[in-house]
Amino acid sequence: MALLAEKTSLLNEAKLKEQEFREQIHMLEDQLKDFQRNYCVAPLGAHRHDEKVHTDSTVMKVSTEFEYLRNVMFEYMMGREMKTMAKVITTVLKFPEDQTQKILEREESRHLSWL
């Protein structure tokens, strides 16, 4: 009889521990969801409603694209190779063809006015 009581007690302790683990899992899942919502960024050109869970490699890619775009914008704003930089900017930001054409025409007219 004592053995049965001991086994029952151990079983109850194990069930209690299992419940604690389940609660901890739910808490960690909630924290992960909050982290993903607050710290993951959408790729350039994506809309807020298009966001999905992003892996570290996606976040790193976006960070690299952002750094590249920042450098391109710097060169553009410094007046270096403006037409080339305009092409790069319209490509990276995925401008529609009609807007890209207007931007490139504007850059061409600026270039011709300097000559």
N, C-alpha and C. Protein backbone atom coordinates (compact mmCIF):
# COMPACT_ATOMS: atom_id res chain seq x y z
N MET A 1 0.81 -1.19 0.00
CA MET A 1 0.00 0.00 0.00
C MET A 1 0.86 1.26 0.00
N ALA A 2 1.95 1.26 0.74
CA ALA A 2 2.85 2.41 0.81
C ALA A 2 3.48 2.67 -0.56
N LEU A 3 3.78 1.58 -1.27
CA LEU A 3 4.36 1.70 -2.60
C LEU A 3 3.38 2.37 -3.56
N LEU A 4 2.11 2.02 -3.46
CA LEU A 4 1.07 2.63 -4.30
C LEU A 4 0.94 4.12 -4.00
N ALA A 5 0.98 4.49 -2.75
CA ALA A 5 0.88 5.90 -2.34
C ALA A 5 2.09 6.68 -2.87
N GLU A 6 3.26 6.06 -2.79
CA GLU A 6 4.48 6.73 -3.28
C GLU A 6 4.41 6.94 -4.78
N LYS A 7 3.97 5.91 -5.52
CA LYS A 7 3.86 6.02 -6.98
C LYS A 7 2.80 7.06 -7.36
N THR A 8 1.70 7.10 -6.64
CA THR A 8 0.65 8.07 -6.90
C THR A 8 1.17 9.49 -6.66
N SER A 9 1.93 9.65 -5.61
CA SER A 9 2.53 10.96 -5.30
C SER A 9 3.50 11.38 -6.40
N LEU A 10 4.33 10.45 -6.86
CA LEU A 10 5.27 10.75 -7.94
C LEU A 10 4.54 11.10 -9.23
N LEU A 11 3.44 10.38 -9.49
CA LEU A 11 2.65 10.64 -10.68
C LEU A 11 2.03 12.04 -10.62
N ASN A 12 1.50 12.40 -9.46
CA ASN A 12 0.90 13.72 -9.29
C ASN A 12 1.95 14.83 -9.44
N GLU A 13 3.14 14.60 -8.90
CA GLU A 13 4.23 15.57 -9.06
C GLU A 13 4.61 15.72 -10.54
N ALA A 14 4.66 14.60 -11.25
CA ALA A 14 5.00 14.64 -12.67
C ALA A 14 3.93 15.38 -13.47
N LYS A 15 2.66 15.15 -13.14
CA LYS A 15 1.57 15.86 -13.80
C LYS A 15 1.64 17.36 -13.53
N LEU A 16 1.96 17.72 -12.30
CA LEU A 16 2.10 19.13 -11.94
C LEU A 16 3.26 19.77 -12.71
N LYS A 17 4.36 19.05 -12.79
CA LYS A 17 5.54 19.55 -13.52
C LYS A 17 5.20 19.69 -15.01
N GLU A 18 4.46 18.72 -15.56
CA GLU A 18 4.05 18.79 -16.96
C GLU A 18 3.20 20.03 -17.21
N GLN A 19 2.27 20.32 -16.29
CA GLN A 19 1.42 21.50 -16.44
C GLN A 19 2.27 22.78 -16.40
N GLU A 20 3.25 22.82 -15.51
CA GLU A 20 4.15 23.99 -15.44
C GLU A 20 4.91 24.16 -16.76
N PHE A 21 5.37 23.05 -17.34
CA PHE A 21 6.07 23.12 -18.62
C PHE A 21 5.15 23.61 -19.74
N ARG A 22 3.91 23.14 -19.75
CA ARG A 22 2.94 23.57 -20.76
C ARG A 22 2.70 25.08 -20.66
N GLU A 23 2.54 25.59 -19.42
CA GLU A 23 2.34 27.02 -19.22
C GLU A 23 3.58 27.81 -19.68
N GLN A 24 4.75 27.28 -19.39
CA GLN A 24 5.99 27.95 -19.82
C GLN A 24 6.09 27.96 -21.34
N ILE A 25 5.70 26.88 -21.99
CA ILE A 25 5.71 26.81 -23.45
C ILE A 25 4.78 27.87 -24.03
N HIS A 26 3.58 27.99 -23.48
CA HIS A 26 2.62 29.00 -23.97
C HIS A 26 3.17 30.42 -23.77
N MET A 27 3.80 30.65 -22.62
CA MET A 27 4.37 31.96 -22.34
C MET A 27 5.49 32.27 -23.35
N LEU A 28 6.34 31.31 -23.61
CA LEU A 28 7.44 31.51 -24.56
C LEU A 28 6.92 31.70 -25.99
N GLU A 29 5.86 30.98 -26.35
CA GLU A 29 5.26 31.17 -27.67
C GLU A 29 4.72 32.58 -27.81
N ASP A 30 4.07 33.09 -26.77
CA ASP A 30 3.55 34.45 -26.79
C ASP A 30 4.69 35.47 -26.91
N GLN A 31 5.76 35.25 -26.16
CA GLN A 31 6.92 36.15 -26.24
C GLN A 31 7.53 36.13 -27.63
N LEU A 32 7.60 34.97 -28.24
CA LEU A 32 8.15 34.85 -29.59
C LEU A 32 7.28 35.61 -30.58
N LYS A 33 5.96 35.47 -30.48
CA LYS A 33 5.05 36.21 -31.36
C LYS A 33 5.23 37.72 -31.19
N ASP A 34 5.35 38.17 -29.94
CA ASP A 34 5.57 39.60 -29.68
C ASP A 34 6.89 40.06 -30.29
N PHE A 35 7.92 39.26 -30.13
CA PHE A 35 9.22 39.60 -30.70
C PHE A 35 9.13 39.73 -32.21
N GLN A 36 8.49 38.77 -32.85
CA GLN A 36 8.37 38.79 -34.30
C GLN A 36 7.58 40.00 -34.76
N ARG A 37 6.53 40.34 -34.05
CA ARG A 37 5.70 41.48 -34.41
C ARG A 37 6.46 42.79 -34.25
N ASN A 38 7.27 42.90 -33.21
CA ASN A 38 7.93 44.16 -32.88
C ASN A 38 9.29 44.37 -33.52
N TYR A 39 9.99 43.30 -33.84
CA TYR A 39 11.38 43.45 -34.26
C TYR A 39 11.68 42.98 -35.66
N CYS A 40 10.79 42.27 -36.30
CA CYS A 40 11.04 41.81 -37.66
C CYS A 40 10.53 42.86 -38.63
N VAL A 41 11.28 43.10 -39.67
CA VAL A 41 10.91 44.14 -40.63
C VAL A 41 10.49 43.51 -41.94
N ALA A 42 9.68 44.24 -42.67
CA ALA A 42 9.26 43.78 -44.00
C ALA A 42 10.33 44.11 -45.01
N PRO A 43 10.49 43.28 -46.02
CA PRO A 43 11.43 43.60 -47.09
C PRO A 43 11.07 44.91 -47.75
N LEU A 44 12.07 45.58 -48.33
CA LEU A 44 11.82 46.84 -49.00
C LEU A 44 10.73 46.67 -50.04
N GLY A 45 9.81 47.59 -50.09
CA GLY A 45 8.74 47.54 -51.07
C GLY A 45 7.54 46.72 -50.62
N ALA A 46 7.64 46.00 -49.50
CA ALA A 46 6.50 45.20 -49.03
C ALA A 46 5.52 46.11 -48.29
N HIS A 47 4.27 45.71 -48.30
CA HIS A 47 3.25 46.47 -47.59
C HIS A 47 3.04 45.84 -46.23
N ARG A 48 2.54 46.60 -45.30
CA ARG A 48 2.33 46.15 -43.94
C ARG A 48 1.50 44.86 -43.90
N HIS A 49 0.45 44.77 -44.71
CA HIS A 49 -0.41 43.59 -44.67
C HIS A 49 0.24 42.37 -45.33
N ASP A 50 1.36 42.57 -46.01
CA ASP A 50 2.06 41.46 -46.65
C ASP A 50 3.08 40.81 -45.72
N GLU A 51 3.26 41.37 -44.51
CA GLU A 51 4.31 40.88 -43.63
C GLU A 51 4.05 39.45 -43.22
N LYS A 52 5.12 38.70 -43.13
CA LYS A 52 5.07 37.32 -42.65
C LYS A 52 6.17 37.18 -41.61
N VAL A 53 6.23 36.03 -40.98
CA VAL A 53 7.32 35.78 -40.04
C VAL A 53 8.61 35.74 -40.83
N HIS A 54 9.60 36.49 -40.38
CA HIS A 54 10.87 36.57 -41.10
C HIS A 54 11.95 35.82 -40.36
N THR A 55 12.76 35.13 -41.11
CA THR A 55 13.89 34.42 -40.52
C THR A 55 15.04 35.39 -40.35
N ASP A 56 16.06 34.97 -39.62
CA ASP A 56 17.23 35.83 -39.43
C ASP A 56 17.87 36.17 -40.76
N SER A 57 17.87 35.23 -41.71
CA SER A 57 18.50 35.51 -43.00
C SER A 57 17.72 36.57 -43.76
N THR A 58 16.40 36.59 -43.64
CA THR A 58 15.60 37.61 -44.30
C THR A 58 15.88 38.98 -43.69
N VAL A 59 15.92 39.04 -42.37
CA VAL A 59 16.21 40.30 -41.69
C VAL A 59 17.60 40.79 -42.09
N MET A 60 18.56 39.88 -42.16
CA MET A 60 19.91 40.25 -42.57
C MET A 60 19.92 40.77 -44.00
N LYS A 61 19.17 40.11 -44.90
CA LYS A 61 19.08 40.54 -46.29
C LYS A 61 18.49 41.93 -46.37
N VAL A 62 17.42 42.19 -45.61
CA VAL A 62 16.79 43.50 -45.61
C VAL A 62 17.77 44.54 -45.08
N SER A 63 18.51 44.20 -44.04
CA SER A 63 19.49 45.11 -43.49
C SER A 63 20.56 45.45 -44.54
N THR A 64 21.01 44.45 -45.28
CA THR A 64 22.00 44.66 -46.33
C THR A 64 21.43 45.52 -47.45
N GLU A 65 20.18 45.25 -47.84
CA GLU A 65 19.54 46.06 -48.87
C GLU A 65 19.39 47.50 -48.42
N PHE A 66 19.03 47.70 -47.16
CA PHE A 66 18.88 49.04 -46.63
C PHE A 66 20.21 49.78 -46.66
N GLU A 67 21.26 49.11 -46.22
CA GLU A 67 22.60 49.72 -46.23
C GLU A 67 23.00 50.11 -47.65
N TYR A 68 22.75 49.22 -48.61
CA TYR A 68 23.05 49.48 -50.01
C TYR A 68 22.27 50.69 -50.50
N LEU A 69 20.96 50.71 -50.21
CA LEU A 69 20.12 51.83 -50.63
C LEU A 69 20.58 53.13 -50.00
N ARG A 70 20.96 53.08 -48.74
CA ARG A 70 21.45 54.29 -48.06
C ARG A 70 22.70 54.82 -48.76
N ASN A 71 23.61 53.95 -49.13
CA ASN A 71 24.83 54.37 -49.83
C ASN A 71 24.51 54.94 -51.21
N VAL A 72 23.57 54.31 -51.91
CA VAL A 72 23.16 54.80 -53.23
C VAL A 72 22.53 56.19 -53.09
N MET A 73 21.66 56.34 -52.09
CA MET A 73 21.01 57.64 -51.86
C MET A 73 22.05 58.71 -51.53
N PHE A 74 23.05 58.36 -50.77
CA PHE A 74 24.11 59.31 -50.45
C PHE A 74 24.81 59.77 -51.72
N GLU A 75 25.19 58.82 -52.56
CA GLU A 75 25.86 59.17 -53.82
C GLU A 75 24.96 60.04 -54.69
N TYR A 76 23.69 59.70 -54.75
CA TYR A 76 22.72 60.47 -55.54
C TYR A 76 22.61 61.90 -55.00
N MET A 77 22.50 62.02 -53.70
CA MET A 77 22.34 63.34 -53.09
C MET A 77 23.62 64.18 -53.17
N MET A 78 24.74 63.53 -53.32
CA MET A 78 26.00 64.24 -53.50
C MET A 78 26.20 64.64 -54.97
N GLY A 79 25.28 64.22 -55.83
CA GLY A 79 25.34 64.61 -57.23
C GLY A 79 26.26 63.74 -58.07
N ARG A 80 26.59 62.56 -57.58
CA ARG A 80 27.48 61.67 -58.31
C ARG A 80 26.68 60.67 -59.13
N GLU A 81 26.97 60.60 -60.41
CA GLU A 81 26.33 59.62 -61.31
C GLU A 81 24.82 59.56 -61.07
N MET A 82 24.19 60.71 -61.16
CA MET A 82 22.79 60.80 -60.77
C MET A 82 21.87 59.92 -61.61
N LYS A 83 22.11 59.83 -62.91
CA LYS A 83 21.23 59.00 -63.74
C LYS A 83 21.38 57.52 -63.36
N THR A 84 22.61 57.08 -63.17
CA THR A 84 22.85 55.69 -62.78
C THR A 84 22.22 55.42 -61.41
N MET A 85 22.42 56.35 -60.47
CA MET A 85 21.87 56.17 -59.13
C MET A 85 20.33 56.17 -59.18
N ALA A 86 19.76 56.99 -60.05
CA ALA A 86 18.29 57.02 -60.20
C ALA A 86 17.80 55.66 -60.70
N LYS A 87 18.53 55.06 -61.62
CA LYS A 87 18.15 53.72 -62.12
C LYS A 87 18.20 52.69 -60.98
N VAL A 88 19.25 52.76 -60.20
CA VAL A 88 19.40 51.82 -59.08
C VAL A 88 18.27 52.01 -58.07
N ILE A 89 17.99 53.25 -57.73
CA ILE A 89 16.95 53.55 -56.74
C ILE A 89 15.59 53.04 -57.22
N THR A 90 15.26 53.32 -58.47
CA THR A 90 13.96 52.87 -58.99
C THR A 90 13.87 51.35 -59.04
N THR A 91 14.99 50.68 -59.24
CA THR A 91 15.00 49.22 -59.26
C THR A 91 14.84 48.65 -57.86
N VAL A 92 15.63 49.15 -56.93
CA VAL A 92 15.60 48.63 -55.56
C VAL A 92 14.23 48.87 -54.92
N LEU A 93 13.65 50.05 -55.18
CA LEU A 93 12.36 50.37 -54.59
C LEU A 93 11.17 49.89 -55.42
N LYS A 94 11.48 49.21 -56.52
CA LYS A 94 10.46 48.60 -57.38
C LYS A 94 9.41 49.60 -57.85
N PHE A 95 9.88 50.73 -58.38
CA PHE A 95 8.97 51.71 -58.95
C PHE A 95 8.28 51.10 -60.16
N PRO A 96 7.03 51.48 -60.41
CA PRO A 96 6.36 51.03 -61.64
C PRO A 96 7.07 51.62 -62.86
N GLU A 97 6.92 50.98 -63.99
CA GLU A 97 7.63 51.38 -65.21
C GLU A 97 7.35 52.84 -65.58
N ASP A 98 6.10 53.29 -65.48
CA ASP A 98 5.79 54.67 -65.87
C ASP A 98 6.50 55.68 -64.97
N GLN A 99 6.56 55.42 -63.67
CA GLN A 99 7.27 56.33 -62.77
C GLN A 99 8.77 56.28 -63.01
N THR A 100 9.29 55.10 -63.26
CA THR A 100 10.72 54.96 -63.56
C THR A 100 11.07 55.79 -64.79
N GLN A 101 10.25 55.70 -65.81
CA GLN A 101 10.51 56.44 -67.05
C GLN A 101 10.50 57.94 -66.79
N LYS A 102 9.55 58.43 -66.02
CA LYS A 102 9.49 59.86 -65.69
C LYS A 102 10.73 60.31 -64.93
N ILE A 103 11.15 59.49 -63.98
CA ILE A 103 12.33 59.84 -63.18
C ILE A 103 13.57 59.90 -64.07
N LEU A 104 13.73 58.90 -64.93
CA LEU A 104 14.91 58.87 -65.80
C LEU A 104 14.88 60.01 -66.81
N GLU A 105 13.70 60.35 -67.32
CA GLU A 105 13.59 61.50 -68.22
C GLU A 105 13.97 62.79 -67.50
N ARG A 106 13.54 62.92 -66.27
CA ARG A 106 13.88 64.11 -65.47
C ARG A 106 15.39 64.18 -65.25
N GLU A 107 16.01 63.07 -64.94
CA GLU A 107 17.46 63.05 -64.75
C GLU A 107 18.18 63.40 -66.04
N GLU A 108 17.68 62.90 -67.15
CA GLU A 108 18.29 63.20 -68.46
C GLU A 108 18.18 64.69 -68.75
N SER A 109 17.03 65.29 -68.46
CA SER A 109 16.87 66.74 -68.72
C SER A 109 17.78 67.56 -67.80
N ARG A 110 17.99 67.12 -66.58
CA ARG A 110 18.94 67.80 -65.68
C ARG A 110 20.34 67.73 -66.27
N HIS A 111 20.70 66.54 -66.75
CA HIS A 111 22.03 66.34 -67.31
C HIS A 111 22.24 67.24 -68.52
N LEU A 112 21.25 67.32 -69.39
CA LEU A 112 21.36 68.14 -70.59
C LEU A 112 21.40 69.63 -70.26
N SER A 113 20.75 70.05 -69.19
CA SER A 113 20.77 71.47 -68.82
C SER A 113 22.14 71.91 -68.33
N TRP A 114 22.96 70.97 -67.87
CA TRP A 114 24.31 71.30 -67.44
C TRP A 114 25.26 71.48 -68.61
N LEU A 115 24.91 70.90 -69.76
CA LEU A 115 25.80 70.96 -70.93
C LEU A 115 25.68 72.24 -71.69
